[in-house]
Amino acid sequence: MNDFIAARSQMAASLAFHIIFAAMGVALPLMMVIAEYLWQRTGNSEYLLIAKRWAKGTAILFVIGALTGTVLSFELGLLWPRFMAAAGDVIGMPFSMEGFAFFTEAIFLGIYLYGWNRVSPRVHLLSGLVVSISGLASAIFVTFVNGWMNTPTGFRIENGQFVDIHPLQAMLNPAGLPEGIHMGLAAYCATGFATAGIHAIMLLRTGRNRFHESAIKIAFTVGAVACLLQFVSGDALARMVAQKQPTKLASLEGQFKTETGAPLRIGGIPDENAHTTKYALEIPDGLSLLAFHKPHATIQGLDSFPREHWPNVLLVHISFQIMVGCGSLLTFVALIAGWGAWKDKQFITDRRALWLLVAIAPLGFVALESGWMVTELGRQPWIIQGILLTRDAVTSTTHLGRLFYSMNVLYAVLGLVVVWLMAGHVIRTPTLEELETIEEEGAVHAA
């Protein structure tokens, strides 16, 4: 493995690992707050137990997210020093704001974990809400940096140096907010469906259980609502890409030729040598309509750009198709469940429905990982779009292959530890003694 490939592979592995726990750390606090609110409103002790269990999960994910995020910050400096040297002054503000959100989350998570019976129920619920908002804000601020890499603004370049820097303008780049919203919704969607699927497995094992049934209702609702909103967010993001990153848009759709009224392609295999996408189902005018809301708008094909500035079209196109396919399946299930709820169907008592939840549980995270592959691979060969090539930003340090293998062993161990902790402290079916204890606690809290 050469050092350039090793550096890119290491960064990709670190991001792929971190994003799972970061997404769960964004969404689980919201679900925790919803559970506590339902307990305060209804007095049902299973909601209190869910809130406490998910609070433990939030603490576990907070620690792992902080650890893997710290590793990523070191890797930015170690693997991509020329990028940080060139862009550090420009992207410093969103990183600083992310740090502020991180510490706010830590403070209020401490209040939430140790505030039972020490603060009023309203203050306790509010502290959980601050944890949820801070976690989301942290993710959005970091995504602003990625947005800037895709649509760099807020500076001028003189003699190869960034000058006349406007940090706020750089942070509020054209891609930042659309990407941030899309990422936040993806976190809620992926975590909601995954959590519902895990509790569905427990229900299939144990039979009727109010703890798991209530957890499924909360998690599935969060995931389903986020999934439905994701299509609105995706439309805004796609239009931004069409305007600011036409090469990426052409790669997403396997659009090799500039065309008026370009078709939307479902599936297919791009052939970069033949400049065509084979075996795709084409919807006439679909891409033009989605990208510009005009059926006869002109879409720039890859033939409009130098061949050396093309990304890996096959990987980008397939990743995009996987993301959209998974999102479409989850949306279909969300709509079916919504229709069932409207018709008073008992979704969580039907074993076929529970098996369906189990089957779709990973799809949100598959879509999340695929979406980040689209974002990063679609920008190549640039690390800063149109300004700095990835190959020019990599470190001159050698023997990075050893780092790649050793770090991935560490990630595997951390992943197993997290699964063990979550299984033992968050997911498992409560014992009769726990249920009796939580009912007593609920009575004390209510008093």
Protein backbone atom coordinates (compact mmCIF):
# COMPACT_ATOMS: atom_id res chain seq x y z
CA MET A 1 0.00 0.00 0.00
CA ASN A 2 1.59 3.31 -1.07
CA ASP A 3 1.55 6.19 1.41
CA PHE A 4 -1.01 8.29 -0.47
CA ILE A 5 -3.49 5.41 -0.58
CA ALA A 6 -2.68 4.56 3.05
CA ALA A 7 -3.40 8.13 4.19
CA ARG A 8 -6.71 8.24 2.35
CA SER A 9 -7.66 4.77 3.56
CA GLN A 10 -6.82 5.62 7.16
CA MET A 11 -8.89 8.81 7.06
CA ALA A 12 -11.78 6.96 5.43
CA ALA A 13 -11.70 4.18 8.04
CA SER A 14 -11.57 6.68 10.91
CA LEU A 15 -14.46 8.70 9.51
CA ALA A 16 -16.54 5.60 8.76
CA PHE A 17 -16.07 4.35 12.32
CA HIS A 18 -16.57 7.72 14.02
CA ILE A 19 -19.69 8.65 12.08
CA ILE A 20 -21.64 5.67 13.43
CA PHE A 21 -21.18 6.66 17.06
CA ALA A 22 -21.41 10.38 16.31
CA ALA A 23 -24.79 9.86 14.61
CA MET A 24 -26.07 7.77 17.51
CA GLY A 25 -24.76 10.40 19.92
CA VAL A 26 -26.80 13.04 18.08
CA ALA A 27 -30.08 11.11 17.97
CA LEU A 28 -30.17 9.11 21.21
CA PRO A 29 -30.38 12.21 23.48
CA LEU A 30 -33.50 13.37 21.62
CA MET A 31 -35.10 9.96 22.09
CA MET A 32 -34.07 10.06 25.76
CA VAL A 33 -35.77 13.43 26.23
CA ILE A 34 -38.93 12.24 24.50
CA ALA A 35 -39.05 9.21 26.80
CA GLU A 36 -38.70 11.37 29.92
CA TYR A 37 -41.34 13.80 28.66
CA LEU A 38 -43.75 10.93 28.10
CA TRP A 39 -43.04 9.65 31.61
CA GLN A 40 -43.68 13.06 33.15
CA ARG A 41 -46.88 13.35 31.18
CA THR A 42 -48.29 9.82 31.62
CA GLY A 43 -46.57 8.48 34.75
CA ASN A 44 -45.87 5.15 32.99
CA SER A 45 -42.74 3.73 34.59
CA GLU A 46 -41.49 2.06 31.39
CA TYR A 47 -40.84 5.51 29.91
CA LEU A 48 -38.71 6.40 32.95
CA LEU A 49 -36.72 3.19 32.55
CA ILE A 50 -36.23 3.89 28.83
CA ALA A 51 -35.03 7.43 29.58
CA LYS A 52 -32.51 6.15 32.14
CA ARG A 53 -31.30 3.37 29.86
CA TRP A 54 -30.89 5.73 26.91
CA ALA A 55 -29.12 8.22 29.18
CA LYS A 56 -26.52 5.52 29.90
CA GLY A 57 -26.25 4.89 26.17
CA THR A 58 -25.74 8.62 25.56
CA ALA A 59 -22.91 8.68 28.10
CA ILE A 60 -21.22 5.67 26.47
CA LEU A 61 -21.53 7.16 23.00
CA PHE A 62 -20.31 10.56 24.23
CA VAL A 63 -17.08 9.00 25.48
CA ILE A 64 -16.50 6.94 22.32
CA GLY A 65 -17.41 9.88 20.09
CA ALA A 66 -14.95 12.11 21.94
CA LEU A 67 -12.21 9.49 21.68
CA THR A 68 -12.63 8.81 17.96
CA GLY A 69 -13.11 12.51 17.25
CA THR A 70 -9.81 13.25 18.98
CA VAL A 71 -8.13 10.61 16.82
CA LEU A 72 -9.54 12.33 13.72
CA SER A 73 -8.20 15.72 14.84
CA PHE A 74 -4.72 14.20 15.22
CA GLU A 75 -5.01 12.53 11.82
CA LEU A 76 -5.88 15.83 10.16
CA GLY A 77 -2.57 17.22 11.37
CA LEU A 78 -0.55 14.06 10.83
CA LEU A 79 -1.87 12.89 7.47
CA TRP A 80 -2.91 16.19 5.87
CA PRO A 81 -0.55 18.88 7.22
CA ARG A 82 -0.54 20.91 4.01
CA PHE A 83 -4.31 21.10 4.07
CA MET A 84 -4.30 22.32 7.68
CA ALA A 85 -1.47 24.75 6.99
CA ALA A 86 -3.36 26.22 4.05
CA ALA A 87 -6.89 26.20 5.44
CA GLY A 88 -6.48 26.24 9.22
CA ASP A 89 -7.15 29.98 9.57
CA VAL A 90 -10.27 29.73 7.41
CA ILE A 91 -11.96 26.74 9.07
CA GLY A 92 -10.96 27.56 12.64
CA MET A 93 -14.32 29.11 13.56
CA PRO A 94 -16.58 26.07 12.97
CA PHE A 95 -14.07 23.85 14.78
CA SER A 96 -14.08 26.29 17.71
CA MET A 97 -17.87 26.38 17.75
CA GLU A 98 -17.92 22.58 17.67
CA GLY A 99 -15.68 22.58 20.75
CA PHE A 100 -18.03 24.99 22.52
CA ALA A 101 -21.03 22.77 21.71
CA PHE A 102 -19.07 19.71 22.90
CA PHE A 103 -18.33 21.22 26.31
CA THR A 104 -21.91 22.45 26.67
CA GLU A 105 -23.11 18.93 25.97
CA ALA A 106 -20.68 17.51 28.54
CA ILE A 107 -21.82 19.91 31.27
CA PHE A 108 -25.53 19.33 30.79
CA LEU A 109 -25.08 15.58 30.32
CA GLY A 110 -23.54 15.57 33.79
CA ILE A 111 -26.54 17.46 35.15
CA TYR A 112 -28.90 15.02 33.45
CA LEU A 113 -27.12 11.88 34.66
CA TYR A 114 -26.73 13.01 38.27
CA GLY A 115 -29.67 15.38 38.53
CA TRP A 116 -32.42 12.84 39.24
CA ASN A 117 -34.01 13.91 42.57
CA ARG A 118 -31.54 16.80 42.77
CA VAL A 119 -33.19 19.27 40.40
CA SER A 120 -36.83 19.83 39.53
CA PRO A 121 -38.39 17.63 36.80
CA ARG A 122 -38.67 20.64 34.51
CA VAL A 123 -35.01 21.59 34.93
CA HIS A 124 -33.97 17.96 34.49
CA LEU A 125 -35.92 17.65 31.25
CA LEU A 126 -34.50 20.97 30.06
CA SER A 127 -30.93 19.76 30.73
CA GLY A 128 -31.61 16.73 28.52
CA LEU A 129 -32.94 19.00 25.80
CA VAL A 130 -29.75 21.07 25.94
CA VAL A 131 -27.72 17.85 25.56
CA SER A 132 -29.76 16.98 22.47
CA ILE A 133 -29.40 20.42 20.91
CA SER A 134 -25.68 20.62 21.70
CA GLY A 135 -25.03 17.23 20.13
CA LEU A 136 -26.83 18.26 16.95
CA ALA A 137 -25.05 21.63 16.88
CA SER A 138 -21.68 19.90 17.27
CA ALA A 139 -22.38 17.70 14.26
CA ILE A 140 -23.59 20.63 12.16
CA PHE A 141 -20.53 22.78 12.94
CA VAL A 142 -18.20 19.97 11.88
CA THR A 143 -20.24 19.47 8.72
CA PHE A 144 -19.77 23.18 7.95
CA VAL A 145 -16.06 22.38 7.51
CA ASN A 146 -16.85 19.67 4.99
CA GLY A 147 -19.24 22.07 3.26
CA TRP A 148 -16.42 24.60 2.97
CA MET A 149 -14.17 21.97 1.39
CA ASN A 150 -16.90 21.45 -1.21
CA THR A 151 -17.75 25.14 -1.76
CA PRO A 152 -14.85 27.24 -0.40
CA THR A 153 -15.71 30.89 0.36
CA GLY A 154 -14.61 33.68 2.68
CA PHE A 155 -11.06 34.43 1.46
CA ARG A 156 -8.84 35.52 -1.38
CA ILE A 157 -5.67 33.83 -2.62
CA GLU A 158 -2.50 35.85 -3.11
CA ASN A 159 0.78 34.17 -3.99
CA GLY A 160 -0.70 30.81 -3.10
CA GLN A 161 -1.76 31.97 0.39
CA PHE A 162 -5.24 32.51 1.88
CA VAL A 163 -5.67 36.21 2.69
CA ASP A 164 -8.48 38.62 3.53
CA ILE A 165 -10.17 35.81 5.50
CA HIS A 166 -13.77 36.20 6.69
CA PRO A 167 -14.36 33.25 9.08
CA LEU A 168 -18.12 33.73 9.37
CA GLN A 169 -18.55 33.87 5.60
CA ALA A 170 -16.39 30.76 5.27
CA MET A 171 -18.45 28.89 7.87
CA LEU A 172 -21.71 29.87 6.19
CA ASN A 173 -20.60 28.56 2.81
CA PRO A 174 -23.26 27.46 0.26
CA ALA A 175 -22.90 23.74 1.10
CA GLY A 176 -22.60 24.07 4.87
CA LEU A 177 -26.21 24.46 5.97
CA PRO A 178 -27.74 22.01 3.44
CA GLU A 179 -25.12 19.41 4.39
CA GLY A 180 -25.59 20.08 8.10
CA ILE A 181 -29.36 19.64 7.97
CA HIS A 182 -28.99 16.53 5.81
CA MET A 183 -26.50 15.05 8.26
CA GLY A 184 -28.67 15.78 11.29
CA LEU A 185 -31.72 14.17 9.73
CA ALA A 186 -29.62 11.20 8.62
CA ALA A 187 -28.46 10.69 12.22
CA TYR A 188 -32.04 10.68 13.52
CA CYS A 189 -33.18 8.39 10.71
CA ALA A 190 -30.37 5.86 11.05
CA THR A 191 -30.44 5.72 14.84
CA GLY A 192 -34.22 5.62 15.05
CA PHE A 193 -34.63 2.68 12.69
CA ALA A 194 -31.62 0.82 14.11
CA THR A 195 -32.88 1.21 17.68
CA ALA A 196 -36.37 0.09 16.69
CA GLY A 197 -34.90 -2.95 14.96
CA ILE A 198 -32.83 -3.93 18.00
CA HIS A 199 -35.83 -3.74 20.32
CA ALA A 200 -37.85 -5.67 17.73
CA ILE A 201 -35.30 -8.49 18.04
CA MET A 202 -35.79 -8.47 21.81
CA LEU A 203 -39.58 -8.57 21.39
CA LEU A 204 -39.32 -11.54 19.04
CA ARG A 205 -37.27 -13.32 21.69
CA THR A 206 -39.34 -12.46 24.78
CA GLY A 207 -42.88 -11.91 23.50
CA ARG A 208 -45.01 -8.98 24.62
CA ASN A 209 -43.02 -6.52 26.71
CA ARG A 210 -44.04 -2.92 27.45
CA PHE A 211 -40.43 -1.75 27.77
CA HIS A 212 -39.44 -2.85 24.27
CA GLU A 213 -42.80 -1.90 22.74
CA SER A 214 -42.57 1.64 24.12
CA ALA A 215 -38.94 1.94 22.97
CA ILE A 216 -39.93 0.88 19.45
CA LYS A 217 -42.70 3.49 19.31
CA ILE A 218 -40.35 6.32 20.25
CA ALA A 219 -37.41 5.21 18.11
CA PHE A 220 -39.46 4.35 15.04
CA THR A 221 -41.35 7.66 15.20
CA VAL A 222 -38.09 9.63 15.34
CA GLY A 223 -36.61 7.63 12.47
CA ALA A 224 -39.72 7.78 10.31
CA VAL A 225 -40.26 11.54 10.70
CA ALA A 226 -36.60 12.24 9.96
CA CYS A 227 -36.70 9.95 6.92
CA LEU A 228 -39.70 11.76 5.46
CA LEU A 229 -38.07 15.16 6.03
CA GLN A 230 -34.87 13.88 4.46
CA PHE A 231 -36.37 14.02 0.98
CA VAL A 232 -36.96 17.78 1.37
CA SER A 233 -33.41 18.21 2.65
CA GLY A 234 -32.04 16.01 -0.14
CA ASP A 235 -33.77 18.12 -2.76
CA ALA A 236 -32.16 21.31 -1.41
CA LEU A 237 -28.76 19.62 -1.24
CA ALA A 238 -29.05 18.24 -4.78
CA ARG A 239 -29.88 21.69 -6.16
CA MET A 240 -26.84 23.13 -4.38
CA VAL A 241 -24.62 20.40 -5.87
CA ALA A 242 -26.05 21.11 -9.33
CA GLN A 243 -25.10 24.77 -9.05
CA LYS A 244 -21.79 24.56 -7.20
CA GLN A 245 -20.38 21.09 -8.00
CA PRO A 246 -21.56 20.10 -11.48
CA THR A 247 -18.79 17.49 -11.80
CA LYS A 248 -20.08 15.73 -8.71
CA LEU A 249 -23.67 15.86 -10.00
CA ALA A 250 -22.61 14.33 -13.32
CA SER A 251 -20.78 11.55 -11.44
CA LEU A 252 -23.77 10.87 -9.19
CA GLU A 253 -25.96 10.22 -12.19
CA GLY A 254 -23.43 8.79 -14.62
CA GLN A 255 -24.08 11.78 -16.89
CA PHE A 256 -21.20 11.76 -19.37
CA LYS A 257 -22.65 14.11 -21.98
CA THR A 258 -23.93 17.65 -21.57
CA GLU A 259 -27.62 17.40 -22.24
CA THR A 260 -30.84 19.42 -22.20
CA GLY A 261 -33.61 17.55 -20.45
CA ALA A 262 -31.22 15.01 -18.94
CA PRO A 263 -32.76 11.76 -17.68
CA LEU A 264 -32.74 10.52 -14.10
CA ARG A 265 -30.97 7.16 -13.93
CA ILE A 266 -31.96 4.38 -11.57
CA GLY A 267 -29.24 1.76 -11.27
CA GLY A 268 -26.80 1.24 -14.10
CA ILE A 269 -23.04 0.78 -14.40
CA PRO A 270 -21.00 3.76 -15.63
CA ASP A 271 -18.35 2.94 -18.25
CA GLU A 272 -15.75 5.71 -18.24
CA ASN A 273 -14.12 4.46 -21.41
CA ALA A 274 -17.33 4.26 -23.45
CA HIS A 275 -18.76 7.42 -21.79
CA THR A 276 -22.08 5.77 -21.10
CA THR A 277 -24.03 4.29 -18.18
CA LYS A 278 -25.17 0.81 -19.10
CA TYR A 279 -28.27 -1.04 -17.89
CA ALA A 280 -29.82 2.02 -16.20
CA LEU A 281 -33.54 2.68 -16.04
CA GLU A 282 -33.88 6.23 -17.38
CA ILE A 283 -36.69 8.62 -16.51
CA PRO A 284 -36.87 11.29 -19.26
CA ASP A 285 -36.10 14.85 -18.09
CA GLY A 286 -35.90 13.58 -14.50
CA LEU A 287 -32.43 14.85 -13.63
CA SER A 288 -33.06 18.29 -15.08
CA LEU A 289 -36.32 18.50 -13.15
CA LEU A 290 -34.77 17.45 -9.84
CA ALA A 291 -31.60 19.53 -10.16
CA PHE A 292 -33.15 22.79 -11.41
CA HIS A 293 -36.92 22.19 -11.15
CA LYS A 294 -37.07 22.68 -14.91
CA PRO A 295 -37.64 19.65 -17.16
CA HIS A 296 -35.58 21.09 -20.02
CA ALA A 297 -32.70 22.55 -18.01
CA THR A 298 -29.19 21.83 -19.28
CA ILE A 299 -27.09 19.44 -17.21
CA GLN A 300 -23.32 19.63 -17.66
CA GLY A 301 -21.89 16.22 -18.41
CA LEU A 302 -18.48 14.95 -17.46
CA ASP A 303 -17.35 15.77 -20.99
CA SER A 304 -17.44 19.46 -19.94
CA PHE A 305 -14.54 18.95 -17.53
CA PRO A 306 -10.91 17.82 -17.87
CA ARG A 307 -10.56 14.06 -17.58
CA GLU A 308 -8.01 14.42 -14.78
CA HIS A 309 -10.62 16.22 -12.68
CA TRP A 310 -13.14 13.41 -12.80
CA PRO A 311 -13.74 11.43 -9.62
CA ASN A 312 -14.15 7.65 -9.68
CA VAL A 313 -17.51 7.75 -11.46
CA LEU A 314 -18.35 4.09 -10.83
CA LEU A 315 -17.85 4.31 -7.06
CA VAL A 316 -19.66 7.65 -6.74
CA HIS A 317 -22.63 6.50 -8.83
CA ILE A 318 -23.01 3.17 -7.01
CA SER A 319 -22.67 4.83 -3.58
CA PHE A 320 -25.35 7.34 -4.53
CA GLN A 321 -27.67 4.60 -5.76
CA ILE A 322 -27.21 2.67 -2.50
CA MET A 323 -27.95 5.78 -0.44
CA VAL A 324 -31.10 6.64 -2.38
CA GLY A 325 -32.25 3.01 -2.49
CA CYS A 326 -31.92 2.55 1.28
CA GLY A 327 -33.63 5.87 1.95
CA SER A 328 -36.48 4.98 -0.38
CA LEU A 329 -37.05 1.62 1.35
CA LEU A 330 -37.09 3.27 4.77
CA THR A 331 -39.51 5.92 3.54
CA PHE A 332 -41.82 3.24 2.17
CA VAL A 333 -41.86 1.46 5.53
CA ALA A 334 -42.46 4.77 7.33
CA LEU A 335 -45.45 5.51 5.10
CA ILE A 336 -46.86 1.99 5.58
CA ALA A 337 -46.53 2.33 9.35
CA GLY A 338 -48.16 5.76 9.25
CA TRP A 339 -51.06 4.36 7.28
CA GLY A 340 -51.35 1.51 9.78
CA ALA A 341 -51.41 3.90 12.72
CA TRP A 342 -54.14 5.93 11.00
CA LYS A 343 -56.14 2.71 10.56
CA ASP A 344 -55.48 1.73 14.20
CA LYS A 345 -53.36 -1.25 13.19
CA GLN A 346 -51.11 -2.65 15.96
CA PHE A 347 -47.80 -2.45 14.13
CA ILE A 348 -45.56 -3.61 16.98
CA THR A 349 -47.70 -6.65 17.89
CA ASP A 350 -47.48 -8.16 14.40
CA ARG A 351 -44.53 -10.54 14.15
CA ARG A 352 -44.23 -9.90 10.41
CA ALA A 353 -43.88 -6.19 11.13
CA LEU A 354 -41.24 -6.90 13.77
CA TRP A 355 -39.25 -9.00 11.32
CA LEU A 356 -39.52 -6.14 8.84
CA LEU A 357 -38.08 -3.74 11.43
CA VAL A 358 -35.21 -6.17 12.00
CA ALA A 359 -34.56 -6.44 8.25
CA ILE A 360 -34.42 -2.68 7.66
CA ALA A 361 -32.57 -1.80 10.89
CA PRO A 362 -29.09 -1.42 9.25
CA LEU A 363 -30.29 0.48 6.17
CA GLY A 364 -30.12 3.92 7.75
CA PHE A 365 -26.45 3.49 8.59
CA VAL A 366 -25.76 1.95 5.18
CA ALA A 367 -27.29 5.08 3.63
CA LEU A 368 -25.31 7.30 6.00
CA GLU A 369 -21.98 5.71 5.13
CA SER A 370 -22.83 5.70 1.41
CA GLY A 371 -23.79 9.37 1.59
CA TRP A 372 -20.42 10.30 3.05
CA MET A 373 -18.71 8.28 0.35
CA VAL A 374 -20.65 10.32 -2.22
CA THR A 375 -19.64 13.58 -0.54
CA GLU A 376 -15.95 12.74 -0.27
CA LEU A 377 -15.34 10.66 -3.40
CA GLY A 378 -17.45 12.99 -5.51
CA ARG A 379 -15.14 15.92 -4.70
CA GLN A 380 -11.97 14.11 -5.76
CA PRO A 381 -9.33 14.77 -6.94
CA TRP A 382 -9.70 17.93 -4.81
CA ILE A 383 -9.41 18.19 -1.04
CA ILE A 384 -10.53 21.82 -1.39
CA GLN A 385 -12.74 22.05 -4.46
CA GLY A 386 -10.90 23.75 -7.33
CA ILE A 387 -8.06 24.98 -5.10
CA LEU A 388 -5.97 22.22 -3.54
CA LEU A 389 -5.53 18.71 -4.92
CA THR A 390 -5.67 15.83 -2.47
CA ARG A 391 -2.30 14.47 -3.60
CA ASP A 392 -0.71 17.86 -2.83
CA ALA A 393 -2.09 17.98 0.72
CA VAL A 394 -0.89 14.60 1.99
CA THR A 395 1.97 14.19 4.43
CA SER A 396 5.47 13.23 3.33
CA THR A 397 5.69 10.78 6.26
CA THR A 398 6.31 7.21 5.10
CA HIS A 399 5.25 3.77 6.34
CA LEU A 400 1.63 4.79 6.90
CA GLY A 401 0.45 1.27 6.14
CA ARG A 402 1.44 0.20 9.66
CA LEU A 403 -0.66 2.99 11.14
CA PHE A 404 -3.62 1.91 9.00
CA TYR A 405 -3.58 -1.68 10.21
CA SER A 406 -2.90 -0.87 13.88
CA MET A 407 -5.64 1.77 14.06
CA ASN A 408 -8.20 -0.54 12.50
CA VAL A 409 -7.40 -3.20 15.10
CA LEU A 410 -8.01 -0.56 17.77
CA TYR A 411 -11.32 0.44 16.15
CA ALA A 412 -12.42 -3.21 16.06
CA VAL A 413 -11.70 -3.56 19.79
CA LEU A 414 -13.53 -0.31 20.58
CA GLY A 415 -16.50 -1.43 18.52
CA LEU A 416 -16.75 -4.69 20.44
CA VAL A 417 -16.51 -2.84 23.76
CA VAL A 418 -19.32 -0.48 22.76
CA VAL A 419 -21.55 -3.36 21.67
CA TRP A 420 -20.90 -5.15 24.96
CA LEU A 421 -21.65 -2.03 27.02
CA MET A 422 -24.81 -1.17 25.08
CA ALA A 423 -26.09 -4.74 25.27
CA GLY A 424 -25.52 -4.99 29.01
CA HIS A 425 -26.61 -1.53 30.13
CA VAL A 426 -29.05 -0.19 27.53
CA ILE A 427 -30.79 -2.81 25.39
CA ARG A 428 -31.34 -5.87 27.56
CA THR A 429 -34.82 -6.79 28.78
CA PRO A 430 -35.39 -5.44 32.31
CA THR A 431 -35.79 -7.92 35.15
CA LEU A 432 -38.84 -8.00 37.41
CA GLU A 433 -36.73 -6.49 40.18
CA GLU A 434 -35.70 -3.59 37.93
CA LEU A 435 -39.32 -2.93 36.99
CA GLU A 436 -40.35 -2.86 40.64
CA THR A 437 -37.46 -0.55 41.48
CA ILE A 438 -38.24 1.84 38.63
CA GLU A 439 -41.89 2.03 39.71
CA GLU A 440 -40.73 3.03 43.20
CA GLU A 441 -38.36 5.60 41.74
CA GLY A 442 -41.13 6.95 39.55
CA ALA A 443 -43.32 7.43 42.59
CA VAL A 444 -40.49 9.26 44.39
CA HIS A 445 -39.75 11.50 41.40
CA ALA A 446 -43.44 12.29 40.97
CA ALA A 447 -43.72 13.22 44.65
